[in-house]
Amino acid sequence: MSKKSKIIICLLAVAVILFSIIQFVVIPVNKTKQAEYVQNQTDALTHDITSIEAFQSPYIGDANNTGNLFWSLPLNNVSMKFEIDSEACTLTVNYLETVLNIGEEKVQRDLIYNSVAAMAAIDNLTGITYNFSDDSYSFSRKQIEEIFGSPLSELLEQERWSKEVQGKLNSTDFIMQFFD
């Protein structure tokens, strides 16, 4: 066997080994990480707030922007429809599910998170109402700013968001102040 043939065989062997590593190790690991990231995006305690940067806007009137914002926030796995009142600068999110099926604690935590995120991302959003088949919740910018401070847009920095929003959502007492 010539030296050239041995080199070709070695190169083919290396190529097969690299192909196998990519196919059976790298790709499955990446798919697992991607699935985990997508799952984390459905919960306020694990959500990556940087995913909403593209949806920051001074005005509520853009329905596509508002929809994309909420489809990247927790509860994005629940079917929803939107009603925007551009004159009052309010938003109604109609979830096509019951609070009971999702879990009251998760819904309350995620709605606080979504409200703060939406009002931080959309400058003139003054209020949000969330309707479920069996319950309804409302939040005003005034209420959110009294608790988190103003301007809300400053909270969107990852470290600050983790500390001042996500970190507080582990406390039942903190959550309950929104629902009295």
C-alpha atoms as a PDB file:
ATOM      1  CA  MET A   1       0.000   0.000   0.000  1.00  0.00           C
ATOM      2  CA  SER A   2       1.392   3.353  -0.973  1.00  0.00           C
ATOM      3  CA  LYS A   3       1.951   6.275   1.351  1.00  0.00           C
ATOM      4  CA  LYS A   4      -0.752   8.242  -0.491  1.00  0.00           C
ATOM      5  CA  SER A   5      -3.326   5.471   0.091  1.00  0.00           C
ATOM      6  CA  LYS A   6      -2.490   5.317   3.805  1.00  0.00           C
ATOM      7  CA  ILE A   7      -2.984   9.091   4.124  1.00  0.00           C
ATOM      8  CA  ILE A   8      -6.337   8.887   2.339  1.00  0.00           C
ATOM      9  CA  ILE A   9      -7.474   6.025   4.600  1.00  0.00           C
ATOM     10  CA  CYS A  10      -6.370   7.947   7.709  1.00  0.00           C
ATOM     11  CA  LEU A  11      -8.191  11.065   6.549  1.00  0.00           C
ATOM     12  CA  LEU A  12     -11.342   9.026   5.857  1.00  0.00           C
ATOM     13  CA  ALA A  13     -11.103   7.421   9.309  1.00  0.00           C
ATOM     14  CA  VAL A  14     -10.750  10.843  10.954  1.00  0.00           C
ATOM     15  CA  ALA A  15     -13.687  12.152   8.912  1.00  0.00           C
ATOM     16  CA  VAL A  16     -15.891   9.202   9.971  1.00  0.00           C
ATOM     17  CA  ILE A  17     -14.928   9.685  13.622  1.00  0.00           C
ATOM     18  CA  LEU A  18     -15.621  13.438  13.492  1.00  0.00           C
ATOM     19  CA  PHE A  19     -18.906  12.861  11.669  1.00  0.00           C
ATOM     20  CA  SER A  20     -19.944  10.331  14.331  1.00  0.00           C
ATOM     21  CA  ILE A  21     -19.037  12.690  17.183  1.00  0.00           C
ATOM     22  CA  ILE A  22     -21.032  15.499  15.598  1.00  0.00           C
ATOM     23  CA  GLN A  23     -24.043  13.301  14.788  1.00  0.00           C
ATOM     24  CA  PHE A  24     -24.230  11.348  18.028  1.00  0.00           C
ATOM     25  CA  VAL A  25     -22.832  13.768  20.620  1.00  0.00           C
ATOM     26  CA  VAL A  26     -22.796  17.426  19.562  1.00  0.00           C
ATOM     27  CA  ILE A  27     -26.187  17.609  17.807  1.00  0.00           C
ATOM     28  CA  PRO A  28     -28.135  15.758  20.554  1.00  0.00           C
ATOM     29  CA  VAL A  29     -26.518  17.909  23.258  1.00  0.00           C
ATOM     30  CA  ASN A  30     -27.440  21.077  21.342  1.00  0.00           C
ATOM     31  CA  LYS A  31     -31.021  19.859  20.854  1.00  0.00           C
ATOM     32  CA  THR A  32     -31.299  19.110  24.569  1.00  0.00           C
ATOM     33  CA  LYS A  33     -29.978  22.559  25.482  1.00  0.00           C
ATOM     34  CA  GLN A  34     -32.398  24.190  23.020  1.00  0.00           C
ATOM     35  CA  ALA A  35     -35.358  22.237  24.409  1.00  0.00           C
ATOM     36  CA  GLU A  36     -34.342  23.192  27.949  1.00  0.00           C
ATOM     37  CA  TYR A  37     -34.079  26.871  26.963  1.00  0.00           C
ATOM     38  CA  VAL A  38     -37.535  26.784  25.350  1.00  0.00           C
ATOM     39  CA  GLN A  39     -38.963  25.140  28.469  1.00  0.00           C
ATOM     40  CA  ASN A  40     -37.292  27.760  30.691  1.00  0.00           C
ATOM     41  CA  GLN A  41     -38.966  30.512  28.659  1.00  0.00           C
ATOM     42  CA  THR A  42     -42.395  29.364  29.888  1.00  0.00           C
ATOM     43  CA  ASP A  43     -41.721  30.144  33.563  1.00  0.00           C
ATOM     44  CA  ALA A  44     -41.053  33.485  35.262  1.00  0.00           C
ATOM     45  CA  LEU A  45     -38.364  32.063  37.532  1.00  0.00           C
ATOM     46  CA  THR A  46     -36.218  30.798  34.639  1.00  0.00           C
ATOM     47  CA  HIS A  47     -37.157  33.142  31.777  1.00  0.00           C
ATOM     48  CA  ASP A  48     -34.372  34.989  29.916  1.00  0.00           C
ATOM     49  CA  ILE A  49     -35.474  38.642  29.849  1.00  0.00           C
ATOM     50  CA  THR A  50     -33.003  39.481  27.072  1.00  0.00           C
ATOM     51  CA  SER A  51     -35.334  37.620  24.685  1.00  0.00           C
ATOM     52  CA  ILE A  52     -37.718  40.614  24.680  1.00  0.00           C
ATOM     53  CA  GLU A  53     -35.179  43.307  23.713  1.00  0.00           C
ATOM     54  CA  ALA A  54     -36.357  43.324  20.105  1.00  0.00           C
ATOM     55  CA  PHE A  55     -39.904  44.182  21.211  1.00  0.00           C
ATOM     56  CA  GLN A  56     -39.184  47.389  23.106  1.00  0.00           C
ATOM     57  CA  SER A  57     -41.366  50.198  21.798  1.00  0.00           C
ATOM     58  CA  PRO A  58     -42.540  53.617  22.880  1.00  0.00           C
ATOM     59  CA  TYR A  59     -46.150  52.812  21.842  1.00  0.00           C
ATOM     60  CA  ILE A  60     -48.684  50.029  22.474  1.00  0.00           C
ATOM     61  CA  GLY A  61     -50.411  50.369  19.084  1.00  0.00           C
ATOM     62  CA  ASP A  62     -48.287  47.852  17.135  1.00  0.00           C
ATOM     63  CA  ALA A  63     -50.245  44.592  17.380  1.00  0.00           C
ATOM     64  CA  ASN A  64     -47.459  42.468  15.857  1.00  0.00           C
ATOM     65  CA  ASN A  65     -44.910  43.797  18.321  1.00  0.00           C
ATOM     66  CA  THR A  66     -47.242  43.254  21.262  1.00  0.00           C
ATOM     67  CA  GLY A  67     -48.078  39.719  20.150  1.00  0.00           C
ATOM     68  CA  ASN A  68     -44.432  38.834  19.634  1.00  0.00           C
ATOM     69  CA  LEU A  69     -43.583  40.280  23.046  1.00  0.00           C
ATOM     70  CA  PHE A  70     -46.150  38.089  24.817  1.00  0.00           C
ATOM     71  CA  TRP A  71     -45.247  35.021  22.771  1.00  0.00           C
ATOM     72  CA  SER A  72     -41.720  35.370  24.140  1.00  0.00           C
ATOM     73  CA  LEU A  73     -42.816  35.798  27.792  1.00  0.00           C
ATOM     74  CA  PRO A  74     -43.921  33.141  30.304  1.00  0.00           C
ATOM     75  CA  LEU A  75     -47.303  31.566  29.580  1.00  0.00           C
ATOM     76  CA  ASN A  76     -46.312  31.667  25.891  1.00  0.00           C
ATOM     77  CA  ASN A  77     -47.355  28.023  25.678  1.00  0.00           C
ATOM     78  CA  VAL A  78     -50.986  28.960  26.406  1.00  0.00           C
ATOM     79  CA  SER A  79     -53.150  30.080  23.476  1.00  0.00           C
ATOM     80  CA  MET A  80     -54.018  33.765  23.701  1.00  0.00           C
ATOM     81  CA  LYS A  81     -55.672  36.627  21.859  1.00  0.00           C
ATOM     82  CA  PHE A  82     -55.056  40.350  22.278  1.00  0.00           C
ATOM     83  CA  GLU A  83     -57.203  43.462  22.416  1.00  0.00           C
ATOM     84  CA  ILE A  84     -55.340  46.767  22.238  1.00  0.00           C
ATOM     85  CA  ASP A  85     -57.002  50.023  23.214  1.00  0.00           C
ATOM     86  CA  SER A  86     -54.644  52.585  21.633  1.00  0.00           C
ATOM     87  CA  GLU A  87     -56.539  55.558  23.041  1.00  0.00           C
ATOM     88  CA  ALA A  88     -56.425  54.389  26.675  1.00  0.00           C
ATOM     89  CA  CYS A  89     -53.021  52.711  26.103  1.00  0.00           C
ATOM     90  CA  THR A  90     -54.242  49.467  27.643  1.00  0.00           C
ATOM     91  CA  LEU A  91     -54.004  45.840  26.657  1.00  0.00           C
ATOM     92  CA  THR A  92     -56.274  42.877  27.276  1.00  0.00           C
ATOM     93  CA  VAL A  93     -54.803  39.402  26.965  1.00  0.00           C
ATOM     94  CA  ASN A  94     -57.427  36.684  26.645  1.00  0.00           C
ATOM     95  CA  TYR A  95     -55.968  33.288  27.527  1.00  0.00           C
ATOM     96  CA  LEU A  96     -57.884  30.330  26.149  1.00  0.00           C
ATOM     97  CA  GLU A  97     -57.296  28.240  29.275  1.00  0.00           C
ATOM     98  CA  THR A  98     -58.348  28.151  32.901  1.00  0.00           C
ATOM     99  CA  VAL A  99     -56.258  29.256  35.861  1.00  0.00           C
ATOM    100  CA  LEU A 100     -57.150  25.950  37.496  1.00  0.00           C
ATOM    101  CA  ASN A 101     -55.545  23.936  34.683  1.00  0.00           C
ATOM    102  CA  ILE A 102     -52.345  26.004  34.705  1.00  0.00           C
ATOM    103  CA  GLY A 103     -52.083  26.431  38.469  1.00  0.00           C
ATOM    104  CA  GLU A 104     -52.967  29.557  40.420  1.00  0.00           C
ATOM    105  CA  GLU A 105     -49.488  30.119  41.904  1.00  0.00           C
ATOM    106  CA  LYS A 106     -47.799  29.835  38.493  1.00  0.00           C
ATOM    107  CA  VAL A 107     -50.384  32.107  36.851  1.00  0.00           C
ATOM    108  CA  GLN A 108     -50.030  34.799  39.504  1.00  0.00           C
ATOM    109  CA  ARG A 109     -46.215  34.732  39.408  1.00  0.00           C
ATOM    110  CA  ASP A 110     -46.117  34.730  35.597  1.00  0.00           C
ATOM    111  CA  LEU A 111     -48.683  37.547  35.287  1.00  0.00           C
ATOM    112  CA  ILE A 112     -46.662  39.802  37.577  1.00  0.00           C
ATOM    113  CA  TYR A 113     -43.555  38.990  35.555  1.00  0.00           C
ATOM    114  CA  ASN A 114     -45.321  39.570  32.230  1.00  0.00           C
ATOM    115  CA  SER A 115     -46.861  42.838  33.411  1.00  0.00           C
ATOM    116  CA  VAL A 116     -43.552  44.275  34.582  1.00  0.00           C
ATOM    117  CA  ALA A 117     -41.821  43.095  31.395  1.00  0.00           C
ATOM    118  CA  ALA A 118     -44.534  44.486  29.108  1.00  0.00           C
ATOM    119  CA  MET A 119     -44.655  47.849  30.867  1.00  0.00           C
ATOM    120  CA  ALA A 120     -40.859  48.043  30.891  1.00  0.00           C
ATOM    121  CA  ALA A 121     -40.750  47.234  27.161  1.00  0.00           C
ATOM    122  CA  ILE A 122     -43.693  49.397  26.035  1.00  0.00           C
ATOM    123  CA  ASP A 123     -43.340  52.921  27.373  1.00  0.00           C
ATOM    124  CA  ASN A 124     -46.949  54.107  27.120  1.00  0.00           C
ATOM    125  CA  LEU A 125     -48.690  50.915  28.271  1.00  0.00           C
ATOM    126  CA  THR A 126     -50.811  52.043  31.234  1.00  0.00           C
ATOM    127  CA  GLY A 127     -52.673  48.862  32.122  1.00  0.00           C
ATOM    128  CA  ILE A 128     -53.093  45.185  31.345  1.00  0.00           C
ATOM    129  CA  THR A 129     -56.050  42.915  31.953  1.00  0.00           C
ATOM    130  CA  TYR A 130     -55.617  39.161  31.722  1.00  0.00           C
ATOM    131  CA  ASN A 131     -58.760  37.129  31.119  1.00  0.00           C
ATOM    132  CA  PHE A 132     -58.891  33.377  31.620  1.00  0.00           C
ATOM    133  CA  SER A 133     -61.941  31.159  31.179  1.00  0.00           C
ATOM    134  CA  ASP A 134     -62.432  31.115  34.944  1.00  0.00           C
ATOM    135  CA  ASP A 135     -60.803  34.295  36.297  1.00  0.00           C
ATOM    136  CA  SER A 136     -59.503  37.765  35.457  1.00  0.00           C
ATOM    137  CA  TYR A 137     -56.593  39.894  36.728  1.00  0.00           C
ATOM    138  CA  SER A 138     -55.652  43.531  36.112  1.00  0.00           C
ATOM    139  CA  PHE A 139     -52.459  45.505  36.662  1.00  0.00           C
ATOM    140  CA  SER A 140     -51.831  49.225  36.236  1.00  0.00           C
ATOM    141  CA  ARG A 141     -48.552  50.959  35.500  1.00  0.00           C
ATOM    142  CA  LYS A 142     -49.051  52.985  38.690  1.00  0.00           C
ATOM    143  CA  GLN A 143     -49.318  49.808  40.770  1.00  0.00           C
ATOM    144  CA  ILE A 144     -46.228  48.266  39.114  1.00  0.00           C
ATOM    145  CA  GLU A 145     -44.162  51.475  39.438  1.00  0.00           C
ATOM    146  CA  GLU A 146     -45.070  51.829  43.128  1.00  0.00           C
ATOM    147  CA  ILE A 147     -43.494  48.446  43.774  1.00  0.00           C
ATOM    148  CA  PHE A 148     -40.636  48.339  41.249  1.00  0.00           C
ATOM    149  CA  GLY A 149     -39.836  52.019  40.801  1.00  0.00           C
ATOM    150  CA  SER A 150     -39.711  54.232  37.758  1.00  0.00           C
ATOM    151  CA  PRO A 151     -38.766  54.160  34.946  1.00  0.00           C
ATOM    152  CA  LEU A 152     -39.507  50.472  34.504  1.00  0.00           C
ATOM    153  CA  SER A 153     -37.334  50.251  31.377  1.00  0.00           C
ATOM    154  CA  GLU A 154     -34.231  50.426  33.591  1.00  0.00           C
ATOM    155  CA  LEU A 155     -35.154  47.018  35.024  1.00  0.00           C
ATOM    156  CA  LEU A 156     -34.527  45.293  31.693  1.00  0.00           C
ATOM    157  CA  GLU A 157     -30.796  44.934  32.345  1.00  0.00           C
ATOM    158  CA  GLN A 158     -30.231  41.186  32.994  1.00  0.00           C
ATOM    159  CA  GLU A 159     -28.578  41.452  36.431  1.00  0.00           C
ATOM    160  CA  ARG A 160     -30.996  44.039  37.724  1.00  0.00           C
ATOM    161  CA  TRP A 161     -33.977  42.082  36.377  1.00  0.00           C
ATOM    162  CA  SER A 162     -32.788  38.871  38.031  1.00  0.00           C
ATOM    163  CA  LYS A 163     -32.375  40.588  41.384  1.00  0.00           C
ATOM    164  CA  GLU A 164     -35.302  43.022  41.471  1.00  0.00           C
ATOM    165  CA  VAL A 165     -37.967  41.055  39.618  1.00  0.00           C
ATOM    166  CA  GLN A 166     -37.218  37.332  39.342  1.00  0.00           C
ATOM    167  CA  GLY A 167     -35.606  37.111  42.775  1.00  0.00           C
ATOM    168  CA  LYS A 168     -38.696  38.522  44.461  1.00  0.00           C
ATOM    169  CA  LEU A 169     -41.104  36.156  42.706  1.00  0.00           C
ATOM    170  CA  ASN A 170     -40.081  33.309  45.026  1.00  0.00           C
ATOM    171  CA  SER A 171     -41.839  35.099  47.887  1.00  0.00           C
ATOM    172  CA  THR A 172     -45.529  34.367  48.383  1.00  0.00           C
ATOM    173  CA  ASP A 173     -45.870  37.561  50.443  1.00  0.00           C
ATOM    174  CA  PHE A 174     -44.426  39.587  47.581  1.00  0.00           C
ATOM    175  CA  ILE A 175     -46.803  38.003  45.056  1.00  0.00           C
ATOM    176  CA  MET A 176     -49.872  38.414  47.248  1.00  0.00           C
ATOM    177  CA  GLN A 177     -49.494  42.211  47.441  1.00  0.00           C
ATOM    178  CA  PHE A 178     -50.611  42.318  43.800  1.00  0.00           C
ATOM    179  CA  PHE A 179     -53.753  40.281  44.406  1.00  0.00           C
ATOM    180  CA  ASP A 180     -55.315  41.808  47.544  1.00  0.00           C
END
